[in-house]
Amino acid sequence: YSLVLMNPSQSPDHGDPFNWRGSGLPGGNPGETDSRPPFDGIASEDSDSDGLEALMEHFLGTSDDVSFDGRNAYRLGFVGLPDGGYSPTFAVSYPIGSDDLAYQVQLSSDLKNWSDERSLLLNETHHGDGTITAEWGASFDDGSPLFFRLQVSQKLAD
């Protein structure tokens, strides 16, 4: 893999590490881009009525015309703790190169108040086919209920 400058046509600051990401494929793509086409639909539309809006489907690399196409892109799981207990995890698989989008995993204990302050990236797996799986957990577990959600938004042009 190599480093890829995101949105080079917008002349981003090369010194800002947040303007870089890993390439989609091993070996990189010198002199070319592996960015996906930017999202150009109506973000909140859900053409296939599967509960995933068009912007989310674009991020996941799934079709908003095929019901439940995106349902296999995320999963809940558990990770073992040193004390013998378990802590919940949330994993999401997506194609690399959606440089016009940002995502965050948020947590809540009441399904009303959401925040990314407690979310902790546990692992990222590059699959060698242009996709990645990111696994998230909670930075601490106080015993209260724990809910995960994936929030995807369009980056604002500078």
Protein backbone atom coordinates (compact mmCIF):
# COMPACT_ATOMS: atom_id res chain seq x y z
CA TYR A 1 0.00 0.00 0.00
CA SER A 2 1.05 3.62 -0.40
CA LEU A 3 -0.20 7.01 0.74
CA VAL A 4 -2.75 8.80 -1.42
CA LEU A 5 -3.50 12.52 -1.23
CA MET A 6 -7.25 12.97 -0.98
CA ASN A 7 -8.95 15.46 -3.30
CA PRO A 8 -5.73 16.69 -4.96
CA SER A 9 -7.70 18.96 -7.34
CA GLN A 10 -8.64 21.08 -4.29
CA SER A 11 -4.93 21.68 -3.47
CA PRO A 12 -5.10 20.36 0.11
CA ASP A 13 -2.32 21.03 2.60
CA HIS A 14 0.20 18.25 2.01
CA GLY A 15 1.49 18.71 5.58
CA ASP A 16 -1.88 17.85 7.15
CA PRO A 17 -1.99 14.10 7.86
CA PHE A 18 -5.81 14.11 7.64
CA ASN A 19 -5.51 14.87 3.91
CA TRP A 20 -3.87 11.48 3.29
CA ARG A 21 -5.14 7.90 3.32
CA GLY A 22 -3.91 4.46 2.39
CA SER A 23 -4.26 3.31 -1.20
CA GLY A 24 -7.04 0.94 -2.14
CA LEU A 25 -4.75 -1.78 -3.49
CA PRO A 26 -1.34 -3.16 -2.56
CA GLY A 27 1.42 -1.34 -4.41
CA GLY A 28 -0.58 1.85 -4.64
CA ASN A 29 -1.27 3.69 -7.87
CA PRO A 30 1.58 6.12 -8.66
CA GLY A 31 0.45 9.05 -10.80
CA GLU A 32 -3.20 7.96 -10.79
CA THR A 33 -6.16 8.14 -8.45
CA ASP A 34 -8.12 5.40 -6.81
CA SER A 35 -10.81 7.76 -5.54
CA ARG A 36 -14.40 6.69 -6.07
CA PRO A 37 -16.76 9.03 -7.92
CA PRO A 38 -18.24 11.61 -5.55
CA PHE A 39 -21.77 11.14 -4.29
CA ASP A 40 -24.23 13.04 -6.50
CA GLY A 41 -27.68 11.93 -5.37
CA ILE A 42 -30.15 12.97 -2.71
CA ALA A 43 -28.48 11.95 0.55
CA SER A 44 -31.67 11.07 2.44
CA GLU A 45 -33.35 9.14 -0.40
CA ASP A 46 -33.95 5.41 0.09
CA SER A 47 -35.00 4.11 -3.34
CA ASP A 48 -35.09 0.46 -2.31
CA SER A 49 -36.84 1.09 1.06
CA ASP A 50 -34.32 -1.01 3.00
CA GLY A 51 -33.71 1.63 5.69
CA LEU A 52 -30.31 2.67 4.33
CA GLU A 53 -30.23 6.12 2.79
CA ALA A 54 -28.48 6.78 -0.52
CA LEU A 55 -25.46 8.48 1.07
CA MET A 56 -24.91 5.49 3.37
CA GLU A 57 -25.26 3.06 0.47
CA HIS A 58 -22.70 5.07 -1.52
CA PHE A 59 -20.25 4.94 1.39
CA LEU A 60 -20.79 1.18 1.82
CA GLY A 61 -20.38 0.62 -1.93
CA THR A 62 -23.81 -0.95 -2.18
CA SER A 63 -26.79 -0.24 -4.43
CA ASP A 64 -29.74 1.89 -3.40
CA ASP A 65 -31.74 -0.05 -5.99
CA VAL A 66 -31.29 -3.49 -4.35
CA SER A 67 -33.04 -4.04 -1.02
CA PHE A 68 -30.79 -5.20 1.81
CA ASP A 69 -27.66 -4.96 -0.37
CA GLY A 70 -25.89 -3.06 2.41
CA ARG A 71 -26.95 -5.25 5.33
CA ASN A 72 -23.85 -7.46 5.11
CA ALA A 73 -21.49 -4.47 5.27
CA TYR A 74 -21.75 -4.11 9.05
CA ARG A 75 -22.01 -6.39 12.05
CA LEU A 76 -22.05 -6.43 15.81
CA GLY A 77 -19.70 -8.66 17.74
CA PHE A 78 -17.83 -9.04 21.01
CA VAL A 79 -14.21 -8.88 22.08
CA GLY A 80 -12.87 -10.74 25.09
CA LEU A 81 -11.55 -8.72 28.02
CA PRO A 82 -8.63 -9.59 30.34
CA ASP A 83 -11.05 -10.10 33.25
CA GLY A 84 -12.89 -12.81 31.30
CA GLY A 85 -15.81 -10.58 30.34
CA TYR A 86 -16.83 -9.32 26.93
CA SER A 87 -17.31 -5.91 25.37
CA PRO A 88 -19.46 -5.21 22.29
CA THR A 89 -17.90 -4.21 18.98
CA PHE A 90 -19.19 -2.76 15.72
CA ALA A 91 -17.48 -3.54 12.39
CA VAL A 92 -18.12 -1.93 9.02
CA SER A 93 -16.70 -2.92 5.62
CA TYR A 94 -16.50 -0.36 2.85
CA PRO A 95 -14.59 0.44 -0.35
CA ILE A 96 -11.59 2.72 0.05
CA GLY A 97 -11.67 6.00 -1.87
CA SER A 98 -14.85 7.84 -0.88
CA ASP A 99 -12.75 10.96 -0.38
CA ASP A 100 -15.78 13.28 -0.46
CA LEU A 101 -17.30 11.56 2.59
CA ALA A 102 -16.48 11.35 6.29
CA TYR A 103 -17.70 8.73 8.69
CA GLN A 104 -17.73 8.22 12.40
CA VAL A 105 -18.93 5.53 14.73
CA GLN A 106 -21.04 6.92 17.53
CA LEU A 107 -22.21 5.38 20.80
CA SER A 108 -25.22 5.96 23.01
CA SER A 109 -26.59 4.49 26.20
CA ASP A 110 -30.14 5.79 25.64
CA LEU A 111 -30.63 6.01 21.81
CA LYS A 112 -31.17 9.78 22.23
CA ASN A 113 -27.73 11.23 22.92
CA TRP A 114 -25.01 10.13 20.47
CA SER A 115 -21.30 10.89 20.59
CA ASP A 116 -18.07 9.65 19.07
CA GLU A 117 -16.09 10.52 22.22
CA ARG A 118 -16.22 6.95 23.57
CA SER A 119 -15.73 5.13 20.27
CA LEU A 120 -12.33 3.50 19.86
CA LEU A 121 -10.92 2.06 16.64
CA LEU A 122 -9.74 -1.45 17.55
CA ASN A 123 -8.60 -2.79 14.19
CA GLU A 124 -8.50 -2.04 10.46
CA THR A 125 -8.13 -4.86 7.94
CA HIS A 126 -7.22 -4.09 4.33
CA HIS A 127 -8.54 -6.95 2.21
CA GLY A 128 -6.34 -6.31 -0.85
CA ASP A 129 -9.38 -5.86 -3.10
CA GLY A 130 -9.97 -2.15 -2.50
CA THR A 131 -12.06 -2.66 0.64
CA ILE A 132 -11.35 -2.26 4.32
CA THR A 133 -13.07 -3.45 7.50
CA ALA A 134 -12.85 -1.19 10.55
CA GLU A 135 -13.79 -2.61 13.95
CA TRP A 136 -14.82 -0.23 16.73
CA GLY A 137 -15.44 -0.64 20.44
CA ALA A 138 -16.05 1.56 23.44
CA SER A 139 -13.11 3.26 25.15
CA PHE A 140 -14.62 2.19 28.47
CA ASP A 141 -17.60 0.18 29.62
CA ASP A 142 -19.45 1.45 32.67
CA GLY A 143 -22.05 -1.30 32.55
CA SER A 144 -24.79 0.84 30.98
CA PRO A 145 -26.49 -0.26 27.74
CA LEU A 146 -24.36 0.43 24.69
CA PHE A 147 -25.67 1.16 21.20
CA PHE A 148 -23.59 1.82 18.06
CA ARG A 149 -24.44 3.75 14.93
CA LEU A 150 -22.56 4.69 11.79
CA GLN A 151 -22.89 8.31 10.69
CA VAL A 152 -21.78 9.30 7.18
CA SER A 153 -21.64 12.90 5.98
CA GLN A 154 -20.42 14.81 2.97
CA LYS A 155 -17.24 16.78 3.52
CA LEU A 156 -17.55 20.49 2.92
CA ALA A 157 -15.37 21.82 0.12
CA ASP A 158 -12.72 24.21 1.39
